[in-house]
Protein backbone atom coordinates (compact mmCIF):
# COMPACT_ATOMS: atom_id res chain seq x y z
CA MET A 1 -20.69 -14.69 -20.22
CA SER A 2 -18.72 -16.65 -22.79
CA PHE A 3 -15.98 -19.08 -21.86
CA LYS A 4 -13.34 -16.68 -23.21
CA SER A 5 -14.72 -13.76 -21.14
CA THR A 6 -14.91 -15.94 -18.04
CA LEU A 7 -11.34 -17.12 -18.56
CA LEU A 8 -10.02 -13.58 -19.04
CA ALA A 9 -11.87 -12.38 -15.92
CA GLY A 10 -10.37 -15.27 -13.94
CA VAL A 11 -6.84 -14.49 -15.14
CA ALA A 12 -7.29 -10.81 -14.26
CA ALA A 13 -8.53 -11.68 -10.76
CA LEU A 14 -5.68 -14.13 -10.21
CA SER A 15 -3.10 -11.55 -11.25
CA PHE A 16 -3.97 -9.45 -8.18
CA ALA A 17 -3.23 -12.41 -5.93
CA LEU A 18 0.21 -12.90 -7.42
CA PRO A 19 3.13 -10.81 -6.14
CA ALA A 20 4.97 -8.31 -8.37
CA PHE A 21 8.74 -8.75 -8.79
CA ALA A 22 11.58 -6.44 -9.85
CA ASP A 23 15.30 -6.85 -9.22
CA GLY A 24 14.83 -8.93 -6.06
CA ILE A 25 12.01 -6.79 -4.66
CA MET A 26 8.63 -8.52 -4.37
CA ILE A 27 5.39 -6.66 -3.66
CA HIS A 28 2.72 -8.83 -2.03
CA ASP A 29 -0.98 -8.18 -1.32
CA PRO A 30 -1.28 -4.50 -2.31
CA TYR A 31 -4.58 -2.72 -1.77
CA ALA A 32 -5.82 0.87 -1.55
CA ARG A 33 -8.52 2.65 0.41
CA ALA A 34 -10.19 6.04 0.40
CA SER A 35 -11.65 7.45 3.60
CA ALA A 36 -15.07 8.18 1.99
CA ALA A 37 -16.70 8.43 -1.43
CA MET A 38 -15.84 12.13 -1.82
CA SER A 39 -12.43 11.96 -0.11
CA GLN A 40 -9.51 14.11 -1.09
CA SER A 41 -7.06 11.51 0.24
CA GLY A 42 -6.48 7.79 0.24
CA ALA A 43 -3.77 5.30 1.08
CA ALA A 44 -2.15 2.11 -0.19
CA PHE A 45 -0.82 -0.81 1.82
CA MET A 46 1.26 -3.88 0.95
CA GLU A 47 4.19 -6.06 1.95
CA ILE A 48 7.57 -5.27 0.40
CA MET A 49 9.96 -8.22 0.41
CA ASN A 50 13.65 -7.70 -0.31
CA GLN A 51 14.89 -11.04 -1.61
CA THR A 52 18.43 -9.81 -2.25
CA ASP A 53 21.52 -9.71 -0.07
CA THR A 54 21.66 -5.89 -0.28
CA ASP A 55 19.67 -3.45 1.84
CA ASP A 56 17.32 -1.22 -0.15
CA ARG A 57 15.00 1.69 0.58
CA LEU A 58 11.61 2.73 -0.78
CA ILE A 59 12.29 6.42 -1.51
CA ASP A 60 9.30 7.59 -3.54
CA ALA A 61 5.93 6.62 -4.99
CA ARG A 62 3.97 8.00 -7.94
CA SER A 63 0.43 7.65 -9.27
CA ASP A 64 -1.89 9.68 -11.43
CA VAL A 65 -4.76 9.20 -8.95
CA ALA A 66 -3.51 12.08 -6.79
CA GLU A 67 -1.89 15.48 -7.05
CA ARG A 68 0.76 14.33 -4.55
CA VAL A 69 1.88 10.87 -3.46
CA GLU A 70 3.95 10.66 -0.29
CA LEU A 71 5.38 8.03 2.03
CA HIS A 72 3.76 8.43 5.47
CA THR A 73 3.81 6.87 8.90
CA HIS A 74 1.99 7.43 12.18
CA GLN A 75 3.79 8.90 15.18
CA GLU A 76 2.48 9.46 18.69
CA ASP A 77 2.79 13.06 19.96
CA ALA A 78 3.41 14.18 23.56
CA ASN A 79 -0.34 14.02 24.27
CA GLY A 80 -0.66 10.43 23.10
CA VAL A 81 -2.40 11.42 19.86
CA MET A 82 -1.37 9.58 16.70
CA ARG A 83 -0.44 11.91 13.82
CA MET A 84 0.46 11.12 10.22
CA ILE A 85 3.83 12.43 9.11
CA HIS A 86 5.60 12.51 5.75
CA VAL A 87 8.72 10.30 5.84
CA GLU A 88 11.02 12.10 3.38
CA GLU A 89 13.86 9.59 3.72
CA GLY A 90 11.54 6.70 2.85
CA PHE A 91 11.39 3.23 4.36
CA ALA A 92 14.31 0.86 4.81
CA VAL A 93 13.81 -2.63 3.38
CA PRO A 94 16.73 -4.66 4.78
CA ALA A 95 18.24 -7.52 2.79
CA GLY A 96 16.25 -10.73 3.14
CA GLU A 97 13.47 -9.05 5.11
CA THR A 98 9.91 -7.80 4.64
CA HIS A 99 8.66 -4.29 5.37
CA ALA A 100 4.89 -4.01 5.86
CA LEU A 101 2.99 -0.95 4.76
CA ALA A 102 -0.09 -1.36 6.94
CA ARG A 103 -2.98 0.65 8.31
CA GLY A 104 -1.93 2.59 11.40
CA GLY A 105 1.74 2.38 10.38
CA ASP A 106 3.85 3.07 7.31
CA HIS A 107 1.84 3.58 4.10
CA VAL A 108 1.67 5.30 0.71
CA MET A 109 -0.54 8.41 0.99
CA PHE A 110 -2.52 9.88 -1.92
CA LEU A 111 -3.19 13.60 -1.39
CA GLY A 112 -5.58 15.55 -3.61
CA LEU A 113 -7.29 12.63 -5.30
CA THR A 114 -7.92 13.23 -9.00
CA ARG A 115 -10.72 10.65 -9.06
CA GLU A 116 -12.83 8.64 -6.68
CA LEU A 117 -11.31 5.41 -5.37
CA ALA A 118 -14.37 3.17 -5.47
CA HIS A 119 -14.45 -0.40 -4.24
CA GLY A 120 -13.38 -2.74 -7.05
CA ASP A 121 -11.46 -0.07 -8.98
CA GLU A 122 -7.77 -0.39 -9.77
CA LEU A 123 -4.97 2.14 -9.75
CA GLU A 124 -1.43 2.09 -11.06
CA LEU A 125 1.29 2.84 -8.52
CA THR A 126 5.01 3.19 -9.20
CA LEU A 127 7.28 2.49 -6.24
CA VAL A 128 10.81 3.90 -6.48
CA PHE A 129 13.61 2.05 -4.69
CA GLU A 130 17.14 3.30 -4.10
CA ASN A 131 18.75 0.16 -5.59
CA ALA A 132 16.03 -1.82 -7.37
CA GLY A 133 14.71 1.22 -9.24
CA GLU A 134 11.08 1.53 -10.26
CA VAL A 135 8.44 -1.13 -9.67
CA THR A 136 5.01 -0.42 -11.18
CA ILE A 137 2.09 -2.37 -9.77
CA THR A 138 -1.67 -2.48 -10.22
CA VAL A 139 -3.41 -1.93 -6.90
CA PRO A 140 -7.04 -2.97 -6.32
CA VAL A 141 -9.22 -0.63 -4.27
CA ASP A 142 -10.66 -2.67 -1.40
CA LEU A 143 -12.94 -0.69 0.91
CA GLU A 144 -14.03 -3.82 2.78
CA ARG A 145 -10.61 -4.97 3.99
CA ASN A 146 -10.59 -5.56 7.74
CA PRO A 147 -7.36 -4.37 9.41
CA MET A 148 -7.89 -6.77 12.31
CA ARG A 149 -7.67 -9.68 9.85
CA GLN A 150 -4.11 -8.64 9.07
CA GLN A 151 -3.21 -8.52 12.75
CA MET A 152 -4.67 -11.97 13.38
CA GLN A 153 -2.74 -13.37 10.42
CA GLY A 154 0.51 -11.86 11.73
CA HIS A 155 0.85 -9.24 8.97
CA GLY A 156 2.01 -5.70 9.62
CA GLN A 157 4.14 -4.11 12.27
CA MET A 158 1.64 -1.96 14.06
CA ASN A 159 -0.35 -1.50 17.24
CA HIS A 160 -4.07 -1.67 16.42
CA GLY A 161 -5.12 -0.57 19.90
CA ASN A 162 -5.99 3.08 19.11
CA MET A 163 -7.24 2.78 15.55
CA GLY A 164 -10.87 3.64 16.30
CA ASN A 165 -13.10 3.58 13.28
CA ALA A 166 -10.83 5.36 10.81
CA ALA A 167 -11.66 4.35 7.26
CA SER A 168 -8.19 4.96 5.89
CA ASP A 169 -4.70 4.40 7.23
């Protein structure tokens, strides 16, 4: 590989490590997963930091990798079973705070995948905020990410106790 190719590859890899900014909203550490190679669904996770003095709300998400993109969370039913539900009102991101989209909790759900989400691929995701507007980010597909690593590092706002071996969200 030439020096120029190596340099460009390094810059591309570094760009994923850097957060995305838009009107005081910062997106940190985004990644996506699919539940299996032939899955019809997948999910994206990240940290959303509101660095303004005004509350905001993530109200929608869009991507061409799926027929539908929805904001989801997990909720325990009367029998103690965790179920995914569509959160139509979106997720509050209070002023000066961070809202984690993490496995087993709030996340962006891709329904009816239009292509395989293979490890190392990238997808474009547009997040729509009530105040900040649209933020478009490039999300790497990482099928090796360990959710327990996030818990040990203090990321996320979720209980990992009943996650089992689920490969997505």
